[in-house]
Amino acid sequence: MNSYSDGSTPVARQGQEAARLVARQQAVPRSSIGSNIMRPVKHAVKAAGAFSRLHDRIRFDDRRNHRPVLVAMLAGYKAELWPIVMPLFKASLPDSDVCIISPGLYREDLADLCRRHGWSYLSTASNDVSLAQNVCYRLHPGAEMIVKIDEDMFVLPDTIRTLLAEYRDIKNERVMLPGFLAPMIPLNGFCYRHLLTMLGLIDEFESKFGRAQIGTSNLPVHLDPAIAQWIWEHTTPLAKTAATLGRLGRQHLTCPIQFSIGMIVFERAFWESIGYLAVNRRRILSGVNTLGADEAYLCAAAVNASRPAIVTTATIAGHFSFGPQYAPLRSLLAGRPELFGG
């Protein structure tokens, strides 16, 4: 009987080929079955995760007009600022849907304010800013552009309109595609050094408070009430500072650190592309404070998508204070309301 170089005979070789064929035939169904089982499981898990990020028990006073721009304000915890903040906010609104969001509470005074101005009011059961925003954005499916603002931001009449126009311009330039765009904010860990330098105030600031270090948190600019007061006193009226920046020429500053998102504009498509804002249900249910989670996730997702945070000097908005500065700044507000537009 003939044999091959490896010593096997034709009959043996045929047997080996048959065995391999059987093995392949047996392997394919097992793999196919496993894939067919796992595919719907993975889909169900993904769908459940998306549902978890987009739904909560809510009370929604619906006054939607289905505009392509949504202006969403997180509010409900700093009512003492509203007498100044809300009129400034109202005067700045473009043609848009407006929704005031209260994570974790319902306030009749806010509901009444929204009723009088024709705004929607959303109250969520969970005190989580990421979840509350996701729910709001889901409820406004026609909003192609989203302006998110906190209740402690002081705006000029053109702040929101300019932000939207600047975003379009930056996108059309096709050099950088923003993750989100923010105005120049004097009391901000990224903006303040740039702003004080542009205004010729950096040497005076550093002689009084030390190095104006750029950072996300735990710096004197976030902790020291004297710094917050000094910055407000030296950068107001905000309209005057905005005019000075305008004379210096528009700049777009790319932010390399986590940005404090007190006021930003972004595309709905970007929010969808990053899987919405991350929601940690375990932390919510256990009562752990999730404040700032939206900021951390959004900034990280923007970097991962090569869509940076950008600050435009074409407009300005004032951030009232960071946590440790709040009580002392309230005293400043009571004594010198003109600094804040009051």
Protein backbone atom coordinates (compact mmCIF):
# COMPACT_ATOMS: atom_id res chain seq x y z
CA MET A 1 0.00 0.00 0.00
CA ASN A 2 1.31 3.45 -0.86
CA SER A 3 2.15 5.89 1.93
CA TYR A 4 2.75 9.65 2.32
CA SER A 5 5.99 11.21 3.52
CA ASP A 6 4.66 11.32 7.08
CA GLY A 7 4.08 7.57 6.96
CA SER A 8 0.30 7.74 6.73
CA THR A 9 -1.61 5.67 4.18
CA PRO A 10 -4.31 7.02 1.83
CA VAL A 11 -6.98 5.34 3.92
CA ALA A 12 -5.59 6.87 7.09
CA ARG A 13 -5.30 10.28 5.42
CA GLN A 14 -8.94 10.06 4.33
CA GLY A 15 -9.91 9.20 7.88
CA GLN A 16 -8.05 12.20 9.22
CA GLU A 17 -9.73 14.54 6.72
CA ALA A 18 -13.14 13.10 7.59
CA ALA A 19 -12.47 13.61 11.31
CA ARG A 20 -11.46 17.23 10.74
CA LEU A 21 -14.58 17.82 8.64
CA VAL A 22 -16.81 16.38 11.36
CA ALA A 23 -15.06 18.50 13.97
CA ARG A 24 -15.61 21.64 11.91
CA GLN A 25 -19.25 20.79 11.35
CA GLN A 26 -19.75 20.18 15.03
CA ALA A 27 -17.96 23.38 16.03
CA VAL A 28 -19.98 25.70 13.81
CA PRO A 29 -23.38 24.97 15.36
CA ARG A 30 -22.01 25.40 18.88
CA SER A 31 -20.47 28.77 18.01
CA SER A 32 -23.57 29.84 16.17
CA ILE A 33 -25.81 28.79 19.04
CA GLY A 34 -23.65 30.67 21.53
CA SER A 35 -23.67 33.77 19.36
CA ASN A 36 -27.41 33.58 18.87
CA ILE A 37 -27.92 33.33 22.62
CA MET A 38 -25.51 36.12 23.59
CA ARG A 39 -26.61 38.63 20.96
CA PRO A 40 -30.07 39.28 22.44
CA VAL A 41 -28.63 39.15 25.95
CA LYS A 42 -26.10 41.86 25.11
CA HIS A 43 -28.81 43.88 23.41
CA ALA A 44 -31.07 43.57 26.44
CA VAL A 45 -28.28 44.63 28.80
CA LYS A 46 -27.47 47.64 26.61
CA ALA A 47 -31.14 48.61 26.39
CA ALA A 48 -31.56 48.27 30.15
CA GLY A 49 -28.52 50.46 30.73
CA ALA A 50 -29.85 53.15 28.40
CA PHE A 51 -33.27 53.01 30.05
CA SER A 52 -31.64 53.38 33.45
CA ARG A 53 -29.81 56.52 32.33
CA LEU A 54 -32.87 58.12 30.73
CA HIS A 55 -35.78 57.46 33.08
CA ASP A 56 -36.81 58.40 36.59
CA ARG A 57 -40.04 59.11 38.46
CA ILE A 58 -40.85 62.67 37.44
CA ARG A 59 -43.31 65.49 37.59
CA PHE A 60 -43.27 67.40 34.32
CA ASP A 61 -45.16 70.63 33.66
CA ASP A 62 -45.04 70.44 29.89
CA ARG A 63 -44.90 73.70 27.94
CA ARG A 64 -42.73 72.51 25.07
CA ASN A 65 -42.81 74.30 21.73
CA HIS A 66 -40.44 71.80 20.06
CA ARG A 67 -37.78 74.34 19.14
CA PRO A 68 -34.35 73.26 17.80
CA VAL A 69 -32.68 74.91 20.83
CA LEU A 70 -33.26 73.83 24.43
CA VAL A 71 -32.15 76.01 27.34
CA ALA A 72 -32.12 73.90 30.50
CA MET A 73 -31.41 75.37 33.93
CA LEU A 74 -30.61 73.26 37.01
CA ALA A 75 -32.34 75.05 39.89
CA GLY A 76 -34.01 74.61 43.23
CA TYR A 77 -31.32 74.97 45.86
CA LYS A 78 -30.21 78.64 45.76
CA ALA A 79 -33.46 80.61 45.84
CA GLU A 80 -31.77 83.67 47.35
CA LEU A 81 -30.03 84.24 44.00
CA TRP A 82 -33.18 84.10 41.89
CA PRO A 83 -34.26 87.76 42.27
CA ILE A 84 -31.17 88.72 40.24
CA VAL A 85 -30.40 85.56 38.27
CA MET A 86 -33.86 84.89 36.84
CA PRO A 87 -34.51 88.33 35.26
CA LEU A 88 -31.03 88.23 33.69
CA PHE A 89 -31.71 84.71 32.46
CA LYS A 90 -35.09 85.65 30.97
CA ALA A 91 -33.61 88.65 29.16
CA SER A 92 -30.94 86.45 27.56
CA LEU A 93 -33.22 83.78 26.08
CA PRO A 94 -33.23 83.19 22.31
CA ASP A 95 -36.09 81.51 20.47
CA SER A 96 -35.99 78.22 22.35
CA ASP A 97 -37.67 75.74 24.60
CA VAL A 98 -36.88 76.48 28.23
CA CYS A 99 -36.97 73.87 30.98
CA ILE A 100 -36.12 74.41 34.63
CA ILE A 101 -34.90 71.18 36.25
CA SER A 102 -35.01 70.39 39.96
CA PRO A 103 -33.18 67.14 40.76
CA GLY A 104 -34.62 65.43 43.81
CA LEU A 105 -37.27 67.99 44.78
CA TYR A 106 -40.33 69.91 43.67
CA ARG A 107 -40.72 73.60 44.44
CA GLU A 108 -44.04 75.33 44.00
CA ASP A 109 -42.35 78.74 43.71
CA LEU A 110 -40.31 77.47 40.76
CA ALA A 111 -43.37 75.84 39.25
CA ASP A 112 -45.19 79.16 39.52
CA LEU A 113 -42.26 81.04 37.97
CA CYS A 114 -42.26 78.64 35.03
CA ARG A 115 -46.04 78.91 34.69
CA ARG A 116 -45.85 82.70 34.46
CA HIS A 117 -43.07 82.69 31.87
CA GLY A 118 -44.30 79.78 29.77
CA TRP A 119 -41.39 77.51 30.64
CA SER A 120 -41.51 73.78 31.31
CA TYR A 121 -40.71 72.56 34.81
CA LEU A 122 -39.20 69.14 35.49
CA SER A 123 -38.88 67.66 38.95
CA THR A 124 -37.17 64.27 39.35
CA ALA A 125 -37.43 61.85 42.26
CA SER A 126 -33.67 61.16 42.33
CA ASN A 127 -31.30 63.88 43.45
CA ASP A 128 -28.81 63.31 40.65
CA VAL A 129 -27.87 66.02 38.17
CA SER A 130 -26.78 63.57 35.46
CA LEU A 131 -30.01 61.61 35.55
CA ALA A 132 -32.14 64.77 35.72
CA GLN A 133 -30.41 66.23 32.67
CA ASN A 134 -30.72 63.00 30.71
CA VAL A 135 -34.44 62.89 31.42
CA CYS A 136 -34.85 66.51 30.34
CA TYR A 137 -32.94 66.03 27.10
CA ARG A 138 -34.93 62.87 26.32
CA LEU A 139 -38.15 64.84 26.76
CA HIS A 140 -36.96 67.35 24.11
CA PRO A 141 -36.13 65.10 21.14
CA GLY A 142 -36.24 67.94 18.62
CA ALA A 143 -33.57 70.02 20.38
CA GLU A 144 -30.50 69.87 18.18
CA MET A 145 -28.57 72.30 20.40
CA ILE A 146 -28.64 72.27 24.20
CA VAL A 147 -27.67 75.10 26.53
CA LYS A 148 -27.12 73.88 30.09
CA ILE A 149 -26.90 76.51 32.82
CA ASP A 150 -26.82 76.48 36.62
CA GLU A 151 -28.93 78.71 38.84
CA ASP A 152 -25.84 80.56 40.12
CA MET A 153 -24.75 81.87 36.71
CA PHE A 154 -25.17 85.57 35.91
CA VAL A 155 -25.54 86.25 32.20
CA LEU A 156 -25.64 89.22 29.85
CA PRO A 157 -28.46 89.75 27.34
CA ASP A 158 -26.35 88.35 24.47
CA THR A 159 -24.55 85.54 26.31
CA ILE A 160 -26.64 82.60 25.11
CA ARG A 161 -27.10 83.86 21.55
CA THR A 162 -23.39 84.55 21.21
CA LEU A 163 -22.50 81.10 22.53
CA LEU A 164 -24.75 79.44 19.96
CA ALA A 165 -23.33 81.57 17.15
CA GLU A 166 -19.75 80.90 18.28
CA TYR A 167 -20.39 77.16 18.35
CA ARG A 168 -21.63 77.27 14.75
CA ASP A 169 -18.62 79.33 13.68
CA ILE A 170 -16.11 76.99 15.33
CA LYS A 171 -17.80 73.97 13.80
CA ASN A 172 -17.83 75.57 10.34
CA GLU A 173 -14.11 76.39 10.58
CA ARG A 174 -13.49 72.62 10.72
CA VAL A 175 -10.31 72.97 12.76
CA MET A 176 -11.76 71.70 16.04
CA LEU A 177 -15.13 70.09 16.69
CA PRO A 178 -16.15 71.07 20.21
CA GLY A 179 -17.41 68.66 22.79
CA PHE A 180 -18.92 71.73 24.37
CA LEU A 181 -18.41 75.48 24.35
CA ALA A 182 -18.41 77.79 27.38
CA PRO A 183 -18.26 81.57 27.83
CA MET A 184 -15.42 83.28 29.64
CA ILE A 185 -16.20 82.85 33.35
CA PRO A 186 -14.16 85.01 35.76
CA LEU A 187 -14.50 82.73 38.80
CA ASN A 188 -13.42 79.50 37.13
CA GLY A 189 -10.32 77.36 37.67
CA PHE A 190 -9.42 77.41 33.98
CA CYS A 191 -10.65 80.84 32.86
CA TYR A 192 -9.48 83.15 35.63
CA ARG A 193 -5.76 83.24 34.85
CA HIS A 194 -6.40 83.85 31.15
CA LEU A 195 -8.92 86.58 31.95
CA LEU A 196 -6.79 88.38 34.52
CA THR A 197 -3.85 88.32 32.10
CA MET A 198 -5.99 89.78 29.32
CA LEU A 199 -7.27 92.53 31.65
CA GLY A 200 -3.78 93.39 32.95
CA LEU A 201 -4.67 92.27 36.48
CA ILE A 202 -2.54 89.14 36.86
CA ASP A 203 0.39 90.82 38.66
CA GLU A 204 -1.92 92.54 41.14
CA PHE A 205 -3.74 89.28 41.83
CA GLU A 206 -0.56 87.25 42.35
CA SER A 207 1.01 89.86 44.61
CA LYS A 208 -2.03 89.53 46.87
CA PHE A 209 -2.94 85.83 46.63
CA GLY A 210 0.05 84.01 45.19
CA ARG A 211 0.39 82.08 41.96
CA ALA A 212 -2.79 81.95 39.85
CA GLN A 213 -2.57 78.25 39.19
CA ILE A 214 -4.92 76.65 36.67
CA GLY A 215 -6.72 73.56 37.96
CA THR A 216 -9.99 71.75 38.41
CA SER A 217 -10.48 71.83 42.19
CA ASN A 218 -8.90 72.28 45.62
CA LEU A 219 -7.10 75.48 44.66
CA PRO A 220 -7.42 78.82 46.46
CA VAL A 221 -9.64 80.09 43.64
CA HIS A 222 -12.17 77.40 44.61
CA LEU A 223 -11.80 77.70 48.38
CA ASP A 224 -10.92 81.25 49.43
CA PRO A 225 -13.88 83.66 49.76
CA ALA A 226 -11.48 86.63 49.56
CA ILE A 227 -10.41 85.53 46.08
CA ALA A 228 -14.00 85.15 44.91
CA GLN A 229 -14.81 88.63 46.22
CA TRP A 230 -11.70 90.16 44.64
CA ILE A 231 -12.48 88.61 41.26
CA TRP A 232 -16.09 89.84 41.34
CA GLU A 233 -14.96 93.34 42.35
CA HIS A 234 -12.35 93.52 39.57
CA THR A 235 -14.30 91.98 36.69
CA THR A 236 -17.65 93.75 37.04
CA PRO A 237 -19.70 95.19 35.53
CA LEU A 238 -19.64 92.10 33.33
CA ALA A 239 -20.76 94.15 30.33
CA LYS A 240 -17.69 96.38 30.68
CA THR A 241 -15.38 93.34 30.87
CA ALA A 242 -17.10 91.84 27.83
CA ALA A 243 -16.50 95.09 25.90
CA THR A 244 -12.81 95.02 26.87
CA LEU A 245 -12.46 91.45 25.67
CA GLY A 246 -14.19 92.41 22.44
CA ARG A 247 -11.59 95.10 21.76
CA LEU A 248 -8.80 92.58 22.33
CA GLY A 249 -10.13 90.26 19.64
CA ARG A 250 -11.96 86.97 19.94
CA GLN A 251 -10.04 83.95 21.16
CA HIS A 252 -10.96 80.28 21.45
CA LEU A 253 -9.19 78.67 24.39
CA THR A 254 -8.89 74.89 24.35
CA CYS A 255 -9.28 73.56 27.89
CA PRO A 256 -6.82 70.77 28.84
CA ILE A 257 -8.37 70.04 32.25
CA GLN A 258 -11.77 69.11 33.66
CA PHE A 259 -13.94 72.17 33.17
CA SER A 260 -16.55 73.44 35.61
CA ILE A 261 -19.69 73.23 33.47
CA GLY A 262 -21.80 75.97 35.06
CA MET A 263 -22.80 77.13 31.59
CA ILE A 264 -22.13 75.27 28.33
CA VAL A 265 -23.62 74.67 24.91
CA PHE A 266 -23.34 71.36 23.06
CA GLU A 267 -24.97 69.30 20.33
CA ARG A 268 -27.62 66.74 21.10
CA ALA A 269 -25.79 64.38 18.73
CA PHE A 270 -22.70 64.56 20.96
CA TRP A 271 -24.74 63.74 24.08
CA GLU A 272 -26.20 60.74 22.27
CA SER A 273 -22.83 59.61 20.91
CA ILE A 274 -21.28 59.35 24.38
CA GLY A 275 -24.14 57.20 25.68
CA TYR A 276 -25.77 60.13 27.53
CA LEU A 277 -24.45 61.29 30.91
CA ALA A 278 -23.34 58.41 33.12
CA VAL A 279 -25.66 57.49 35.99
CA ASN A 280 -24.52 55.47 39.00
CA ARG A 281 -27.71 53.95 40.41
CA ARG A 282 -25.93 52.30 43.32
CA ARG A 283 -24.55 55.62 44.54
CA ILE A 284 -27.94 57.27 44.13
CA LEU A 285 -29.75 54.54 46.06
CA SER A 286 -27.15 54.56 48.83
CA GLY A 287 -27.46 58.33 49.25
CA VAL A 288 -23.88 59.08 48.14
CA ASN A 289 -23.46 62.62 46.81
CA THR A 290 -23.10 62.46 43.02
CA LEU A 291 -22.70 66.21 42.50
CA GLY A 292 -20.11 66.85 39.81
CA ALA A 293 -20.40 63.42 38.21
CA ASP A 294 -21.93 64.95 35.08
CA GLU A 295 -18.96 67.28 34.73
CA ALA A 296 -16.35 64.55 35.21
CA TYR A 297 -18.00 62.21 32.72
CA LEU A 298 -18.72 64.84 30.09
CA CYS A 299 -15.17 66.21 30.14
CA ALA A 300 -13.60 62.74 29.95
CA ALA A 301 -15.93 61.72 27.13
CA ALA A 302 -15.10 64.89 25.22
CA VAL A 303 -11.38 64.14 25.40
CA ASN A 304 -11.91 60.50 24.40
CA ALA A 305 -13.92 61.63 21.38
CA SER A 306 -11.28 64.23 20.42
CA ARG A 307 -13.92 66.91 20.89
CA PRO A 308 -12.35 69.31 23.40
CA ALA A 309 -13.95 71.76 25.78
CA ILE A 310 -13.51 75.25 24.33
CA VAL A 311 -13.92 78.65 25.99
CA THR A 312 -14.76 81.64 23.82
CA THR A 313 -13.79 85.14 24.86
CA ALA A 314 -16.60 86.51 22.67
CA THR A 315 -18.98 86.50 25.62
CA ILE A 316 -18.95 86.25 29.40
CA ALA A 317 -20.99 84.91 32.32
CA GLY A 318 -20.41 85.23 36.05
CA HIS A 319 -20.26 82.21 38.34
CA PHE A 320 -21.38 83.25 41.84
CA SER A 321 -19.10 81.04 43.95
CA PHE A 322 -17.77 77.61 44.77
CA GLY A 323 -19.09 75.77 47.85
CA PRO A 324 -16.88 77.19 50.65
CA GLN A 325 -17.29 80.69 49.25
CA TYR A 326 -21.08 80.70 49.09
CA ALA A 327 -22.02 82.08 52.52
CA PRO A 328 -19.48 84.96 52.46
CA LEU A 329 -20.47 85.85 48.90
CA ARG A 330 -24.11 86.05 49.93
CA SER A 331 -23.08 88.82 52.33
CA LEU A 332 -21.32 90.59 49.47
CA LEU A 333 -24.45 90.20 47.35
CA ALA A 334 -26.60 91.74 50.08
CA GLY A 335 -24.25 94.69 50.52
CA ARG A 336 -23.26 95.29 46.89
CA PRO A 337 -25.92 93.85 44.59
CA GLU A 338 -24.71 96.08 41.75
CA LEU A 339 -21.67 93.81 41.35
CA PHE A 340 -23.99 91.02 40.29
CA GLY A 341 -26.30 92.99 38.04
CA GLY A 342 -28.86 93.76 40.76
